[in-house]
N, C-alpha and C. Protein backbone atom coordinates (compact mmCIF):
# COMPACT_ATOMS: atom_id res chain seq x y z
N SER A 1 -41.07 142.69 121.40
CA SER A 1 -40.33 144.12 120.74
C SER A 1 -38.90 143.36 121.05
N GLY A 2 -38.18 143.72 120.02
CA GLY A 2 -36.83 143.27 119.79
C GLY A 2 -36.07 144.62 119.94
N GLY A 3 -35.11 144.19 120.73
CA GLY A 3 -33.82 145.38 120.91
C GLY A 3 -32.68 145.01 120.40
N GLY A 4 -31.84 145.91 120.35
CA GLY A 4 -30.27 145.51 119.74
C GLY A 4 -29.64 145.05 121.05
N GLY A 5 -28.85 144.06 120.82
CA GLY A 5 -27.58 143.62 121.96
C GLY A 5 -26.64 144.77 122.09
N GLY A 6 -26.88 145.55 123.02
CA GLY A 6 -25.81 146.85 122.84
C GLY A 6 -24.33 146.05 124.10
N GLY A 7 -23.79 146.90 123.78
CA GLY A 7 -22.34 146.59 124.60
C GLY A 7 -21.47 145.34 124.13
N ALA A 8 -21.99 144.82 123.13
CA ALA A 8 -21.35 143.46 122.76
C ALA A 8 -19.97 144.34 121.55
N ALA A 9 -18.99 143.62 121.83
CA ALA A 9 -17.48 144.09 120.95
C ALA A 9 -18.15 143.97 119.38
N ALA A 10 -17.92 144.54 118.19
CA ALA A 10 -18.02 144.51 116.84
C ALA A 10 -17.64 142.95 116.53
N PRO A 11 -18.02 142.31 115.69
CA PRO A 11 -17.47 141.12 115.35
C PRO A 11 -16.14 141.60 114.60
N SER A 12 -15.29 140.49 114.54
CA SER A 12 -13.73 141.06 114.13
C SER A 12 -13.75 140.16 112.62
N THR A 13 -13.17 140.79 111.85
CA THR A 13 -13.05 140.24 110.53
C THR A 13 -11.87 139.71 110.37
N GLU A 14 -10.94 139.58 111.60
CA GLU A 14 -9.81 138.92 111.57
C GLU A 14 -9.92 137.45 111.40
N ALA A 15 -9.31 136.72 110.71
CA ALA A 15 -9.34 135.11 110.34
C ALA A 15 -8.22 134.65 111.71
N ALA A 16 -6.76 135.52 111.23
CA ALA A 16 -5.67 134.94 112.03
C ALA A 16 -5.03 136.32 112.11
N SER A 17 -4.11 136.38 113.26
CA SER A 17 -2.93 137.38 113.24
C SER A 17 -1.86 137.03 114.13
N THR A 18 -1.01 137.44 113.97
CA THR A 18 0.42 137.51 115.03
C THR A 18 1.03 139.11 114.94
N SER A 19 1.67 139.04 115.60
CA SER A 19 2.68 139.97 116.06
C SER A 19 3.93 139.78 116.75
N LYS A 20 4.86 140.89 116.71
CA LYS A 20 6.27 140.87 117.27
C LYS A 20 6.38 142.27 117.78
N LYS A 21 7.09 142.08 119.14
CA LYS A 21 7.17 143.25 119.47
C LYS A 21 9.03 143.44 119.93
N TRP A 22 9.43 144.65 119.69
CA TRP A 22 10.69 144.77 119.86
C TRP A 22 11.16 145.81 120.58
N ASP A 23 12.03 145.58 121.85
CA ASP A 23 12.29 146.55 122.82
C ASP A 23 13.28 147.74 122.14
N THR A 24 14.03 147.46 121.33
CA THR A 24 14.75 148.46 120.38
C THR A 24 15.12 147.94 118.98
N ILE A 25 15.10 148.56 118.09
CA ILE A 25 15.72 148.44 116.80
C ILE A 25 16.41 149.58 116.65
N ALA A 26 18.17 149.28 116.45
CA ALA A 26 18.76 150.08 116.09
C ALA A 26 18.93 150.78 114.78
N ALA A 27 19.21 152.00 114.82
CA ALA A 27 19.30 152.73 113.41
C ALA A 27 19.99 151.60 112.47
N GLY A 28 19.85 151.62 111.10
CA GLY A 28 20.65 150.75 110.24
C GLY A 28 20.30 149.58 110.37
N SER A 29 19.53 148.84 110.99
CA SER A 29 19.29 147.40 111.03
C SER A 29 17.69 147.13 110.80
N SER A 30 17.21 145.69 110.68
CA SER A 30 15.96 145.32 110.39
C SER A 30 15.31 144.63 111.27
N ALA A 31 13.99 145.22 111.40
CA ALA A 31 13.24 144.11 112.16
C ALA A 31 12.36 143.22 111.46
N VAL A 32 12.63 142.05 111.72
CA VAL A 32 12.06 140.93 111.05
C VAL A 32 10.76 140.41 111.75
N LEU A 33 9.70 139.96 111.33
CA LEU A 33 8.58 139.38 111.61
C LEU A 33 8.43 137.92 110.93
N ALA A 34 8.96 136.94 111.40
CA ALA A 34 8.61 135.54 110.50
C ALA A 34 7.21 135.08 111.14
N ILE A 35 6.79 134.87 109.82
CA ILE A 35 4.98 134.25 110.36
C ILE A 35 5.04 133.04 109.57
N ASN A 36 4.73 131.93 110.14
CA ASN A 36 4.53 130.50 109.68
C ASN A 36 3.03 130.11 110.33
N ASN A 37 1.96 130.78 109.74
CA ASN A 37 0.66 130.55 109.87
C ASN A 37 -0.03 130.14 108.65
N ALA A 38 -1.06 128.59 108.83
CA ALA A 38 -1.65 128.48 107.65
C ALA A 38 -2.59 129.58 107.01
N ASN A 39 -3.25 130.28 108.00
CA ASN A 39 -4.51 130.99 107.80
C ASN A 39 -3.92 132.36 107.15
N ILE A 40 -2.64 132.67 107.40
CA ILE A 40 -1.81 133.94 106.94
C ILE A 40 -1.27 133.63 105.59
N ALA A 41 -1.54 134.30 104.77
CA ALA A 41 -0.43 134.48 103.36
C ALA A 41 1.03 134.94 103.60
N VAL A 42 1.27 135.90 104.64
CA VAL A 42 2.08 136.58 104.70
C VAL A 42 2.81 135.58 105.62
N THR A 43 4.08 135.63 105.01
CA THR A 43 5.19 134.63 105.44
C THR A 43 6.45 135.53 106.25
N GLY A 44 6.18 136.87 106.17
CA GLY A 44 7.06 137.71 106.69
C GLY A 44 7.11 139.37 106.21
N VAL A 45 7.50 139.90 107.21
CA VAL A 45 7.77 141.36 107.17
C VAL A 45 9.04 141.90 107.75
N VAL A 46 9.74 142.45 106.59
CA VAL A 46 10.75 143.12 107.09
C VAL A 46 10.97 144.59 106.77
N VAL A 47 11.32 145.06 108.04
CA VAL A 47 11.49 146.67 108.28
C VAL A 47 12.71 147.06 108.42
N ASP A 48 13.21 147.84 107.49
CA ASP A 48 14.87 148.40 107.54
C ASP A 48 14.34 149.84 108.03
N VAL A 49 15.13 149.77 109.25
CA VAL A 49 14.91 151.21 109.70
C VAL A 49 16.36 152.60 109.41
N LYS A 50 15.76 153.28 109.42
CA LYS A 50 16.92 154.14 109.52
C LYS A 50 17.48 155.20 110.59
N SER A 51 16.24 154.83 111.38
CA SER A 51 16.62 155.93 112.95
C SER A 51 16.29 154.86 113.74
N ALA A 52 16.42 154.78 114.84
CA ALA A 52 16.57 153.81 116.17
C ALA A 52 15.03 154.09 116.65
N VAL A 53 14.27 152.99 116.99
CA VAL A 53 13.05 152.70 117.76
C VAL A 53 12.84 151.90 118.65
N THR A 54 12.21 152.22 119.76
CA THR A 54 11.90 151.76 120.78
C THR A 54 10.60 151.12 120.83
N ASN A 55 10.08 150.29 121.59
CA ASN A 55 9.02 149.54 121.88
C ASN A 55 8.05 149.25 120.73
N ALA A 56 8.95 148.88 119.57
CA ALA A 56 7.85 148.94 118.06
C ALA A 56 7.26 147.59 118.07
N GLU A 57 6.33 147.48 117.24
CA GLU A 57 5.51 146.42 117.20
C GLU A 57 4.96 146.11 115.67
N VAL A 58 4.80 145.29 115.37
CA VAL A 58 4.07 144.92 113.92
C VAL A 58 3.39 143.90 113.84
N LYS A 59 2.14 143.85 113.26
CA LYS A 59 1.16 143.13 113.44
C LYS A 59 0.64 143.01 111.99
N VAL A 60 0.12 141.41 111.49
CA VAL A 60 -0.29 141.44 110.44
C VAL A 60 -1.44 140.46 110.86
N ALA A 61 -2.57 140.72 109.92
CA ALA A 61 -3.70 140.02 110.55
C ALA A 61 -4.42 139.58 109.06
N SER A 62 -4.90 138.56 108.60
CA SER A 62 -5.68 138.06 107.80
C SER A 62 -7.20 138.17 107.98
N LEU A 63 -7.61 138.76 106.75
CA LEU A 63 -8.98 138.98 107.10
C LEU A 63 -10.29 138.19 106.41
N THR A 64 -11.10 137.98 107.05
CA THR A 64 -12.42 137.41 106.73
C THR A 64 -12.93 137.98 105.51
N THR A 65 -12.96 139.51 105.20
CA THR A 65 -13.91 139.80 104.23
C THR A 65 -12.94 141.18 103.79
N ASN A 66 -13.25 142.17 102.96
CA ASN A 66 -12.52 143.05 102.31
C ASN A 66 -13.39 144.35 102.85
N PRO A 67 -12.54 144.85 103.97
CA PRO A 67 -12.97 146.21 104.87
C PRO A 67 -13.04 147.30 103.66
N ILE A 68 -12.78 147.15 102.88
CA ILE A 68 -13.11 148.21 101.87
C ILE A 68 -14.30 148.48 100.77
N SER A 69 -14.98 149.26 100.45
CA SER A 69 -16.17 148.74 99.32
C SER A 69 -15.70 148.47 98.16
N THR A 70 -14.52 148.69 97.51
CA THR A 70 -14.31 148.49 96.28
C THR A 70 -13.45 146.95 96.55
N ALA A 71 -13.49 145.89 95.57
CA ALA A 71 -12.67 145.22 95.19
C ALA A 71 -11.05 145.52 94.88
N ALA A 72 -10.08 144.72 95.18
CA ALA A 72 -8.86 145.08 94.70
C ALA A 72 -8.17 144.64 93.33
N ALA A 73 -8.81 143.39 93.09
CA ALA A 73 -8.53 143.11 91.82
C ALA A 73 -9.77 142.21 91.24
N ALA A 74 -9.48 141.78 90.18
CA ALA A 74 -10.63 140.68 89.49
C ALA A 74 -10.64 139.40 90.45
N LYS A 75 -9.51 138.80 91.02
CA LYS A 75 -9.39 137.65 91.97
C LYS A 75 -8.48 138.10 92.97
N VAL A 76 -9.21 137.78 94.09
CA VAL A 76 -8.27 138.46 95.41
C VAL A 76 -8.40 136.83 96.33
N TYR A 77 -6.82 136.56 96.52
CA TYR A 77 -6.64 135.49 97.28
C TYR A 77 -6.98 135.68 98.74
N GLN A 78 -6.56 137.05 99.64
CA GLN A 78 -6.76 137.16 100.66
C GLN A 78 -6.51 138.58 101.21
N TYR A 79 -7.08 139.47 101.76
CA TYR A 79 -6.84 140.60 102.60
C TYR A 79 -6.40 140.65 103.59
N LEU A 80 -5.68 141.51 104.07
CA LEU A 80 -4.92 141.62 104.96
C LEU A 80 -4.81 143.04 105.61
N GLN A 81 -4.45 143.04 106.74
CA GLN A 81 -4.36 144.31 107.46
C GLN A 81 -3.03 144.36 108.27
N LEU A 82 -2.15 144.97 107.93
CA LEU A 82 -0.90 145.47 108.60
C LEU A 82 -0.72 146.39 109.14
N THR A 83 -0.39 146.58 110.61
CA THR A 83 -0.41 147.51 111.72
C THR A 83 0.89 147.78 112.26
N LYS A 84 1.32 148.72 112.57
CA LYS A 84 2.41 148.88 113.65
C LYS A 84 1.95 149.97 114.86
N SER A 85 3.00 150.10 115.89
CA SER A 85 3.23 150.93 116.33
C SER A 85 4.42 151.35 117.04
N ASN A 86 4.61 152.62 117.35
CA ASN A 86 6.09 153.32 117.62
C ASN A 86 7.10 152.94 116.59
N ILE A 87 6.35 152.87 115.34
CA ILE A 87 7.50 153.11 114.14
C ILE A 87 6.65 153.97 113.30
N ALA A 88 7.32 155.13 112.95
CA ALA A 88 6.92 156.07 111.81
C ALA A 88 6.93 155.46 110.68
N ASP A 89 6.41 155.73 109.52
CA ASP A 89 6.74 155.80 108.13
C ASP A 89 8.31 156.06 107.91
N THR A 90 8.41 157.50 108.25
CA THR A 90 9.59 158.07 108.34
C THR A 90 10.96 157.55 108.80
N ASP A 91 10.45 156.52 109.75
CA ASP A 91 11.51 155.80 110.44
C ASP A 91 12.57 154.59 109.61
N ALA A 92 11.25 153.93 108.82
CA ALA A 92 11.59 152.85 107.80
C ALA A 92 12.05 153.24 106.27
N SER A 93 13.12 153.02 106.11
CA SER A 93 14.02 153.21 104.83
C SER A 93 13.42 152.32 103.96
N LYS A 94 12.89 150.91 104.14
CA LYS A 94 12.31 149.73 103.43
C LYS A 94 11.57 149.26 104.16
N ILE A 95 10.45 148.95 103.69
CA ILE A 95 9.30 147.62 104.16
C ILE A 95 9.24 146.65 103.09
N THR A 96 9.52 145.05 103.27
CA THR A 96 9.42 144.14 102.48
C THR A 96 8.29 143.15 102.84
N ILE A 97 7.24 143.05 102.26
CA ILE A 97 6.46 141.81 102.78
C ILE A 97 6.58 140.61 101.59
N ASN A 98 6.84 139.57 102.21
CA ASN A 98 6.65 138.27 101.59
C ASN A 98 5.67 137.47 101.66
N PHE A 99 5.06 136.57 100.89
CA PHE A 99 3.88 136.08 100.98
C PHE A 99 4.05 134.75 100.07
N LYS A 100 3.20 134.06 100.35
CA LYS A 100 2.67 132.90 99.52
C LYS A 100 1.18 132.54 98.89
N VAL A 101 1.26 132.23 97.89
CA VAL A 101 0.06 131.87 97.21
C VAL A 101 0.01 130.54 96.77
N PRO A 102 -1.14 129.80 97.26
CA PRO A 102 -1.39 128.12 96.95
C PRO A 102 -1.32 127.94 95.73
N LYS A 103 -0.59 126.98 94.88
CA LYS A 103 -0.53 126.72 93.52
C LYS A 103 -1.70 126.03 93.49
N SER A 104 -2.77 125.40 93.93
CA SER A 104 -3.96 125.20 94.30
C SER A 104 -5.06 126.43 93.97
N TRP A 105 -4.97 127.66 94.60
CA TRP A 105 -5.65 128.60 94.03
C TRP A 105 -5.42 129.18 92.79
N LEU A 106 -4.12 129.15 92.28
CA LEU A 106 -4.01 129.75 91.38
C LEU A 106 -4.33 128.97 90.06
N SER A 107 -4.28 127.88 90.16
CA SER A 107 -5.26 126.97 88.82
C SER A 107 -6.36 126.95 89.16
N THR A 108 -6.88 126.91 90.37
CA THR A 108 -8.67 126.86 90.32
C THR A 108 -9.18 128.40 89.77
N ASN A 109 -8.28 129.54 89.96
CA ASN A 109 -8.84 130.57 89.81
C ASN A 109 -8.10 131.01 88.19
N ALA A 110 -7.44 130.41 88.00
CA ALA A 110 -6.64 130.59 86.45
C ALA A 110 -6.03 131.98 86.39
N VAL A 111 -5.19 131.89 87.34
CA VAL A 111 -4.24 132.98 87.28
C VAL A 111 -3.04 132.25 87.52
N ALA A 112 -1.94 132.95 86.38
CA ALA A 112 -0.69 132.67 86.25
C ALA A 112 0.43 133.11 87.16
N GLU A 113 1.22 132.42 87.67
CA GLU A 113 2.07 132.47 88.67
C GLU A 113 2.64 134.12 88.50
N GLY A 114 2.73 134.64 87.70
CA GLY A 114 3.58 135.77 87.36
C GLY A 114 2.64 137.10 87.37
N ASP A 115 1.04 136.83 87.19
CA ASP A 115 0.10 137.37 87.50
C ASP A 115 -0.40 137.96 88.66
N VAL A 116 0.83 137.51 90.19
CA VAL A 116 0.23 137.87 91.36
C VAL A 116 0.48 139.33 91.87
N VAL A 117 -0.07 140.04 92.24
CA VAL A 117 -0.05 141.27 92.57
C VAL A 117 -0.10 141.35 94.00
N LEU A 118 0.41 142.24 94.66
CA LEU A 118 0.11 142.82 96.10
C LEU A 118 -0.42 144.49 96.34
N TYR A 119 -1.39 144.43 96.45
CA TYR A 119 -2.23 145.65 96.49
C TYR A 119 -2.18 146.33 98.07
N ARG A 120 -1.86 147.52 98.06
CA ARG A 120 -2.11 148.51 99.19
C ARG A 120 -3.05 149.48 98.73
N TYR A 121 -3.80 149.62 99.96
CA TYR A 121 -5.06 150.69 99.88
C TYR A 121 -4.48 152.06 100.72
N SER A 122 -4.51 152.81 99.97
CA SER A 122 -3.93 153.94 99.91
C SER A 122 -4.33 155.27 99.22
N ASP A 123 -4.72 156.60 99.70
CA ASP A 123 -5.35 157.84 99.25
C ASP A 123 -6.67 157.22 98.44
N SER A 124 -7.37 156.63 99.17
CA SER A 124 -8.77 155.94 98.82
C SER A 124 -9.09 155.07 97.60
N LYS A 125 -8.13 154.48 97.38
CA LYS A 125 -8.06 153.43 96.21
C LYS A 125 -6.78 152.43 96.53
N TRP A 126 -7.20 151.22 95.35
CA TRP A 126 -5.70 150.12 95.60
C TRP A 126 -5.07 150.61 94.95
N ASN A 127 -3.63 150.20 95.16
CA ASN A 127 -2.42 150.79 94.48
C ASN A 127 -1.68 149.37 94.40
N ALA A 128 -1.45 148.82 93.22
CA ALA A 128 -0.32 148.05 93.03
C ALA A 128 0.95 148.20 93.19
N LEU A 129 1.48 146.92 94.20
CA LEU A 129 3.18 147.41 94.28
C LEU A 129 3.94 146.59 93.46
N SER A 130 4.98 146.72 93.34
CA SER A 130 5.90 145.92 92.62
C SER A 130 6.34 144.68 93.31
N THR A 131 5.76 143.86 92.53
CA THR A 131 5.54 142.59 92.85
C THR A 131 6.42 141.47 92.42
N ALA A 132 7.39 140.45 93.06
CA ALA A 132 8.38 139.42 92.37
C ALA A 132 8.26 138.44 93.08
N MET A 133 8.16 137.43 91.96
CA MET A 133 7.92 136.09 92.41
C MET A 133 9.76 135.72 92.97
N SER A 134 9.56 134.90 94.23
CA SER A 134 10.63 134.88 94.69
C SER A 134 11.54 133.30 95.16
N GLY A 135 10.28 132.44 94.32
CA GLY A 135 10.77 131.03 94.54
C GLY A 135 9.00 130.46 94.73
N SER A 136 9.29 128.94 94.71
CA SER A 136 8.11 128.15 95.08
C SER A 136 8.57 126.86 95.90
N ASP A 137 7.49 126.22 96.46
CA ASP A 137 7.97 124.81 97.08
C ASP A 137 6.69 124.43 96.71
N ALA A 138 6.60 122.79 96.97
CA ALA A 138 5.53 121.81 96.36
C ALA A 138 4.39 122.32 96.40
N ASN A 139 3.95 123.35 97.01
CA ASN A 139 2.56 123.65 97.49
C ASN A 139 2.07 125.17 96.64
N ASN A 140 3.15 126.04 97.34
CA ASN A 140 3.09 127.59 97.16
C ASN A 140 4.46 128.15 96.05
N VAL A 141 3.63 129.09 95.54
CA VAL A 141 4.24 130.04 94.92
C VAL A 141 4.65 131.39 96.10
N LEU A 142 6.25 131.69 96.04
CA LEU A 142 6.46 132.70 97.09
C LEU A 142 6.80 134.13 96.19
N TYR A 143 6.28 135.07 96.83
CA TYR A 143 6.48 136.56 96.32
C TYR A 143 7.10 137.46 97.47
N SER A 144 7.40 138.43 96.84
CA SER A 144 8.13 139.64 97.55
C SER A 144 7.71 140.94 97.33
N ALA A 145 7.27 141.72 98.00
CA ALA A 145 6.92 143.17 97.54
C ALA A 145 7.41 144.23 98.41
N ALA A 146 7.98 145.42 98.06
CA ALA A 146 8.02 146.60 98.93
C ALA A 146 7.10 147.39 99.09
N THR A 147 6.74 147.87 100.23
CA THR A 147 5.58 148.90 100.46
C THR A 147 6.01 150.07 100.87
N PRO A 148 5.48 151.26 100.65
CA PRO A 148 5.90 152.36 101.27
C PRO A 148 5.19 152.82 102.68
N GLY A 149 4.53 151.74 103.12
CA GLY A 149 4.14 151.97 104.48
C GLY A 149 2.79 151.04 104.90
N PHE A 150 2.37 150.84 106.15
CA PHE A 150 1.58 149.85 106.23
C PHE A 150 -0.06 150.28 106.00
N SER A 151 -0.82 149.66 105.94
CA SER A 151 -2.27 149.83 105.53
C SER A 151 -3.04 148.57 105.64
N THR A 152 -4.13 148.60 104.50
CA THR A 152 -4.76 147.33 104.37
C THR A 152 -4.10 146.99 103.06
N PHE A 153 -4.29 145.46 102.77
CA PHE A 153 -3.61 144.92 101.62
C PHE A 153 -4.38 143.99 101.14
N ALA A 154 -4.06 143.70 99.85
CA ALA A 154 -4.99 142.30 99.07
C ALA A 154 -3.89 141.46 98.12
N ILE A 155 -4.08 140.39 98.48
CA ILE A 155 -3.26 139.66 97.47
C ILE A 155 -4.40 139.11 96.30
N GLY A 156 -3.79 139.55 95.09
CA GLY A 156 -4.71 139.22 94.09
C GLY A 156 -4.02 139.24 92.65
N SER A 157 -4.86 138.98 91.76
CA SER A 157 -4.47 138.78 90.09
C SER A 157 -4.31 140.33 89.77
N LYS A 158 -3.37 140.38 88.64
CA LYS A 158 -3.20 141.55 88.00
C LYS A 158 -4.44 141.98 87.37
N GLU A 159 -5.13 141.02 87.00
CA GLU A 159 -6.60 141.68 86.43
C GLU A 159 -7.15 142.75 87.19
N ALA A 160 -7.53 143.72 86.75
CA ALA A 160 -8.08 144.82 87.54
C ALA A 160 -9.56 144.43 87.98
N ALA A 161 -10.13 144.95 89.03
CA ALA A 161 -11.73 144.33 89.28
C ALA A 161 -12.67 144.91 88.45
N PRO A 162 -13.64 144.04 88.28
CA PRO A 162 -14.60 144.66 87.09
C PRO A 162 -14.98 146.29 87.68
N ALA A 163 -15.00 146.99 86.85
CA ALA A 163 -15.64 148.31 87.03
C ALA A 163 -17.05 148.20 87.50
N VAL A 164 -17.50 149.21 88.51
CA VAL A 164 -19.02 149.42 88.54
C VAL A 164 -19.45 150.25 87.93
N LYS A 165 -20.33 149.64 86.79
CA LYS A 165 -20.62 150.73 86.16
C LYS A 165 -22.07 151.98 86.82
N PRO A 166 -21.71 153.09 86.46
CA PRO A 166 -22.71 153.87 86.88
C PRO A 166 -24.07 153.61 86.09
N GLU A 167 -25.10 153.88 86.53
CA GLU A 167 -26.48 153.72 85.75
C GLU A 167 -26.24 154.23 84.60
N GLU A 168 -26.63 153.51 83.42
CA GLU A 168 -26.34 154.21 82.11
C GLU A 168 -27.67 155.28 82.00
N LYS A 169 -27.52 156.27 81.23
CA LYS A 169 -28.48 157.11 80.66
C LYS A 169 -28.51 157.06 79.33
N PRO A 170 -29.50 157.06 78.54
CA PRO A 170 -29.74 157.30 77.37
C PRO A 170 -28.95 158.46 76.69
N ASP A 171 -28.10 157.93 75.53
CA ASP A 171 -27.06 159.30 74.98
C ASP A 171 -27.64 160.02 74.28
N GLU A 172 -28.07 161.04 74.69
CA GLU A 172 -28.57 162.07 74.03
C GLU A 172 -28.40 162.24 72.37
N THR A 173 -27.51 162.22 72.25
CA THR A 173 -26.89 162.47 70.74
C THR A 173 -27.43 161.27 69.79
N THR A 174 -27.37 160.14 70.20
CA THR A 174 -27.97 159.02 69.39
C THR A 174 -29.59 159.66 69.18
N GLU A 175 -30.59 159.66 70.39
CA GLU A 175 -31.63 160.02 70.24
C GLU A 175 -32.09 161.58 69.24
N GLN A 176 -31.25 162.33 69.58
CA GLN A 176 -31.45 163.93 68.41
C GLN A 176 -31.03 163.15 67.20
N LYS A 177 -30.09 162.37 66.88
CA LYS A 177 -29.84 161.64 65.48
C LYS A 177 -31.40 161.30 64.68
N ALA A 178 -31.73 160.11 65.78
CA ALA A 178 -33.07 159.25 65.28
C ALA A 178 -34.07 160.41 65.03
N GLU A 179 -34.16 161.47 65.57
CA GLU A 179 -35.19 162.55 65.29
C GLU A 179 -35.18 163.21 64.28
N ASN A 180 -34.00 163.32 63.76
CA ASN A 180 -33.64 164.05 62.39
C ASN A 180 -33.78 163.27 61.43
């Protein structure tokens, strides 16, 4: 007889993560988390605070799988989880996420440089954020997007995810017409 292995931690879907803590962030200043990790598409998170915060922390994790049951876009480069502690959404006047997408991924997936969008999961759906191309280097295209808060994010194509069609029921009107 087999039994479940109890007590073990659930497998993590985090591919990589990084975080930064601040003792104090003064009102009107910015908390900047710079990231240089090949496994995380985000290169930086800037939180402009309008009220002072203490013991704040921002964490960015790249995920190995989509934690949400619906896909964010037709083609997704990376899913991300951005979390914070000791910073309320109301403390932040602006949150900017800077990220990069490899040119090789864009060409392999036939996604134009200008068709990359940062999606934020909120209100039980994926919401496209206003995303701007901010430059490029030899291997990557750089982007920037403002977000109203922290959540699960996805970097993907502008093209929407294919809709999951409900089971098709025969159209009664065409059956009735056929009988007449």
